[in-house]
Amino acid sequence: MGETKGYGSDSSTGVPEGFRFFRRRLKKNDVRKYLIPTDDTAISRLDYGHYVYRLMMTFFTPNDWVSVIKELVRVTKPGGWVELVETSFALERQPNSYEKFHQALVAASQSGKVDLSVPENLGGMVEKHLINVEADFVSCPIGWNGRVGELCARNLDMFFSALKPRIAPVLRITDAEYDELSATISRDFTKHKTWGRVPYAFGQKPESKKR
């Protein structure tokens, strides 16, 4: 099997040593090693018919996205599907308490050359490589409208917690103050019936041309 390389996120440093992915073990400080062979001959023996890639917008630069999409297409078998699912942090009916956090998130992302507007053009990013492309978004209530809203709110709470080391210094507040801000935002989401967009795009890898 060919050499491996990879794309990963710094947030994965919390993965316990020995955690298993695709029958391979992730070792400590090894989060950027790829788990799929770069050797196309080895890839041809695999059967990856559908890839879903999601919620990586806070980690990838525009140049990263170009490389990642090409790689997703490469490792998908002809006729298979690639799907991207992200989220937009420009929320609808957002409370004033969220604006402070959002501005800090944008600042932290820009310092790492990350573009948070990427989800607005997922379709355009894949249409050069795939056919039968479809792109749209689903609406996500946050903290209201039943179980879906509860799950979305829970996911955002975990997101806030995961970003504490990055955002609290930008806001120049303590961890305790950050936790208080996050709790206030969560309550305000429910009160204001805030909702967000979850953009997605999917398309099919063309069949190989017969020689």
Protein backbone atom coordinates (compact mmCIF):
# COMPACT_ATOMS: atom_id res chain seq x y z
CA MET A 1 0.00 0.00 0.00
CA GLY A 2 1.27 3.46 -0.88
CA GLU A 3 2.64 6.22 1.24
CA THR A 4 0.14 8.09 3.38
CA LYS A 5 -0.30 11.80 3.84
CA GLY A 6 -3.11 13.73 5.37
CA TYR A 7 -5.47 16.46 6.23
CA GLY A 8 -6.59 16.90 9.81
CA SER A 9 -7.49 19.53 12.34
CA ASP A 10 -5.64 20.77 15.38
CA SER A 11 -8.79 20.11 17.41
CA SER A 12 -8.07 16.40 17.09
CA THR A 13 -5.30 16.60 19.67
CA GLY A 14 -7.86 15.51 22.24
CA VAL A 15 -8.29 12.13 20.55
CA PRO A 16 -6.94 9.44 22.89
CA GLU A 17 -3.81 7.60 21.80
CA GLY A 18 -4.65 4.33 20.12
CA PHE A 19 -8.06 5.49 18.87
CA ARG A 20 -8.84 3.38 15.81
CA PHE A 21 -9.75 4.75 12.37
CA PHE A 22 -10.24 2.41 9.41
CA ARG A 23 -8.28 -0.33 11.18
CA ARG A 24 -5.35 1.95 11.82
CA ARG A 25 -4.39 3.44 15.14
CA LEU A 26 -3.94 7.15 15.69
CA LYS A 27 -0.83 7.82 17.74
CA LYS A 28 -0.28 10.85 19.92
CA ASN A 29 0.82 13.98 18.01
CA ASP A 30 -0.07 12.19 14.78
CA VAL A 31 -3.25 14.06 13.89
CA ARG A 32 -2.14 15.18 10.44
CA LYS A 33 -1.25 11.76 9.11
CA TYR A 34 -3.61 10.62 6.41
CA LEU A 35 -5.49 7.36 6.65
CA ILE A 36 -5.93 6.66 2.94
CA PRO A 37 -3.10 5.68 0.55
CA THR A 38 -1.80 8.20 -1.97
CA ASP A 39 -0.99 5.35 -4.33
CA ASP A 40 -3.77 5.29 -6.94
CA THR A 41 -3.23 1.58 -7.54
CA ALA A 42 -3.90 0.91 -3.89
CA ILE A 43 -6.92 3.21 -3.99
CA SER A 44 -8.37 1.22 -6.91
CA ARG A 45 -8.70 -1.81 -4.62
CA LEU A 46 -10.88 0.16 -2.24
CA ASP A 47 -14.57 0.86 -2.69
CA TYR A 48 -15.31 4.34 -1.40
CA GLY A 49 -18.60 5.10 -3.07
CA HIS A 50 -19.82 7.99 -0.92
CA TYR A 51 -17.83 10.55 1.05
CA VAL A 52 -19.41 13.02 3.46
CA TYR A 53 -17.11 15.83 4.61
CA ARG A 54 -18.50 18.16 7.21
CA LEU A 55 -17.88 20.99 9.63
CA MET A 56 -14.25 21.73 8.75
CA MET A 57 -14.72 25.38 7.81
CA THR A 58 -12.97 26.74 10.92
CA PHE A 59 -9.78 24.81 10.12
CA PHE A 60 -9.19 24.95 6.36
CA THR A 61 -7.83 27.89 4.41
CA PRO A 62 -9.09 28.46 0.84
CA ASN A 63 -5.95 26.73 -0.47
CA ASP A 64 -6.59 23.78 1.85
CA TRP A 65 -10.09 23.43 0.45
CA VAL A 66 -8.78 23.20 -3.11
CA SER A 67 -6.46 20.34 -2.15
CA VAL A 68 -9.02 18.59 0.03
CA ILE A 69 -11.75 18.55 -2.62
CA LYS A 70 -9.35 17.20 -5.24
CA GLU A 71 -8.36 14.45 -2.82
CA LEU A 72 -11.94 13.59 -1.94
CA VAL A 73 -12.69 13.18 -5.63
CA ARG A 74 -9.54 11.13 -6.18
CA VAL A 75 -10.35 8.55 -3.53
CA THR A 76 -14.00 8.21 -4.56
CA LYS A 77 -14.70 5.49 -7.10
CA PRO A 78 -16.05 6.56 -10.51
CA GLY A 79 -19.79 6.99 -10.23
CA GLY A 80 -19.52 7.57 -6.48
CA TRP A 81 -20.67 10.65 -4.59
CA VAL A 82 -18.95 13.39 -2.60
CA GLU A 83 -20.96 15.48 -0.16
CA LEU A 84 -19.89 18.59 1.76
CA VAL A 85 -21.88 19.78 4.77
CA GLU A 86 -20.93 22.93 6.66
CA THR A 87 -22.59 25.59 8.77
CA SER A 88 -22.91 29.34 8.60
CA PHE A 89 -22.12 31.42 11.67
CA ALA A 90 -24.02 34.40 10.29
CA LEU A 91 -27.21 33.55 12.14
CA GLU A 92 -30.72 34.85 11.61
CA ARG A 93 -32.46 36.67 14.46
CA GLN A 94 -29.21 36.55 16.37
CA PRO A 95 -29.12 38.18 19.83
CA ASN A 96 -26.76 41.01 20.72
CA SER A 97 -24.86 38.67 23.05
CA TYR A 98 -23.81 36.53 20.07
CA GLU A 99 -22.39 39.43 18.07
CA LYS A 100 -19.43 39.77 20.45
CA PHE A 101 -18.59 36.09 20.05
CA HIS A 102 -19.08 36.17 16.28
CA GLN A 103 -16.71 39.09 15.84
CA ALA A 104 -14.06 37.28 17.89
CA LEU A 105 -14.56 34.11 15.84
CA VAL A 106 -14.09 36.05 12.59
CA ALA A 107 -10.94 37.71 13.95
CA ALA A 108 -9.46 34.42 15.15
CA SER A 109 -10.24 32.77 11.81
CA GLN A 110 -8.75 35.57 9.76
CA SER A 111 -5.53 35.40 11.77
CA GLY A 112 -5.24 31.78 10.61
CA LYS A 113 -6.17 32.70 7.00
CA VAL A 114 -9.48 30.85 7.35
CA ASP A 115 -12.44 32.19 5.36
CA LEU A 116 -15.77 31.68 7.14
CA SER A 117 -17.69 32.56 3.98
CA VAL A 118 -16.71 29.24 2.37
CA PRO A 119 -20.10 27.56 3.09
CA GLU A 120 -21.81 30.10 0.85
CA ASN A 121 -20.11 28.59 -2.22
CA LEU A 122 -19.91 24.84 -1.63
CA GLY A 123 -21.55 24.14 -4.97
CA GLY A 124 -19.05 26.27 -6.84
CA MET A 125 -16.19 24.51 -5.10
CA VAL A 126 -17.16 21.05 -6.31
CA GLU A 127 -18.69 21.72 -9.73
CA LYS A 128 -15.27 21.73 -11.42
CA HIS A 129 -14.72 18.13 -10.37
CA LEU A 130 -18.17 16.55 -10.15
CA ILE A 131 -21.33 16.18 -12.20
CA ASN A 132 -24.99 16.23 -11.13
CA VAL A 133 -24.12 18.80 -8.50
CA GLU A 134 -26.82 20.03 -6.14
CA ALA A 135 -26.35 22.71 -3.49
CA ASP A 136 -28.75 24.25 -1.00
CA PHE A 137 -29.15 24.65 2.76
CA VAL A 138 -31.40 23.44 5.53
CA SER A 139 -32.63 25.69 8.33
CA CYS A 140 -31.60 24.85 11.87
CA PRO A 141 -33.53 26.26 14.88
CA ILE A 142 -31.29 26.76 17.89
CA GLY A 143 -32.82 25.95 21.25
CA TRP A 144 -36.45 25.99 20.13
CA ASN A 145 -38.91 24.07 17.92
CA GLY A 146 -38.64 20.72 19.63
CA ARG A 147 -35.97 18.03 19.51
CA VAL A 148 -34.22 19.36 16.41
CA GLY A 149 -33.72 22.72 18.10
CA GLU A 150 -32.48 21.03 21.26
CA LEU A 151 -29.91 19.01 19.33
CA CYS A 152 -28.72 22.08 17.44
CA ALA A 153 -28.36 23.99 20.70
CA ARG A 154 -26.42 21.11 22.25
CA ASN A 155 -24.08 20.99 19.27
CA LEU A 156 -23.44 24.72 19.52
CA ASP A 157 -22.76 24.43 23.25
CA MET A 158 -20.08 21.84 22.49
CA PHE A 159 -18.74 24.08 19.74
CA PHE A 160 -18.49 27.02 22.15
CA SER A 161 -16.66 24.83 24.64
CA ALA A 162 -14.21 23.53 22.03
CA LEU A 163 -13.36 27.06 20.87
CA LYS A 164 -12.73 28.45 24.34
CA PRO A 165 -8.91 28.29 24.06
CA ARG A 166 -9.05 30.23 20.78
CA ILE A 167 -11.79 32.76 21.47
CA ALA A 168 -11.37 33.68 25.13
CA PRO A 169 -7.93 35.29 24.51
CA VAL A 170 -9.34 37.29 21.59
CA LEU A 171 -12.13 38.58 23.83
CA ARG A 172 -9.61 39.13 26.64
CA ILE A 173 -11.78 37.39 29.18
CA THR A 174 -11.21 34.56 31.66
CA ASP A 175 -12.45 31.02 31.15
CA ALA A 176 -15.18 31.63 33.73
CA GLU A 177 -16.31 34.78 31.94
CA TYR A 178 -16.30 32.90 28.65
CA ASP A 179 -18.50 30.17 30.12
CA GLU A 180 -20.91 32.81 31.40
CA LEU A 181 -21.02 34.46 27.96
CA SER A 182 -21.70 31.11 26.28
CA ALA A 183 -24.54 30.35 28.69
CA THR A 184 -26.07 33.78 28.05
CA ILE A 185 -25.87 33.28 24.29
CA SER A 186 -27.56 29.89 24.55
CA ARG A 187 -30.44 31.33 26.57
CA ASP A 188 -30.79 34.22 24.15
CA PHE A 189 -30.92 31.88 21.16
CA THR A 190 -34.02 30.28 22.61
CA LYS A 191 -35.56 33.61 23.57
CA HIS A 192 -35.03 35.19 20.14
CA LYS A 193 -35.79 31.99 18.19
CA THR A 194 -32.44 32.22 16.44
CA TRP A 195 -31.83 29.95 13.50
CA GLY A 196 -28.93 29.20 11.21
CA ARG A 197 -28.23 27.80 7.77
CA VAL A 198 -26.53 24.46 7.19
CA PRO A 199 -25.29 24.63 3.59
CA TYR A 200 -24.56 21.44 1.69
CA ALA A 201 -23.42 20.40 -1.76
CA PHE A 202 -23.06 17.00 -3.33
CA GLY A 203 -22.12 15.65 -6.70
CA GLN A 204 -21.09 12.54 -8.57
CA LYS A 205 -17.62 11.60 -9.78
CA PRO A 206 -17.75 11.01 -13.55
CA GLU A 207 -17.35 7.46 -14.77
CA SER A 208 -13.92 6.65 -16.17
CA LYS A 209 -13.67 7.03 -19.92
CA LYS A 210 -13.30 3.71 -21.69
CA ARG A 211 -10.14 3.37 -23.72
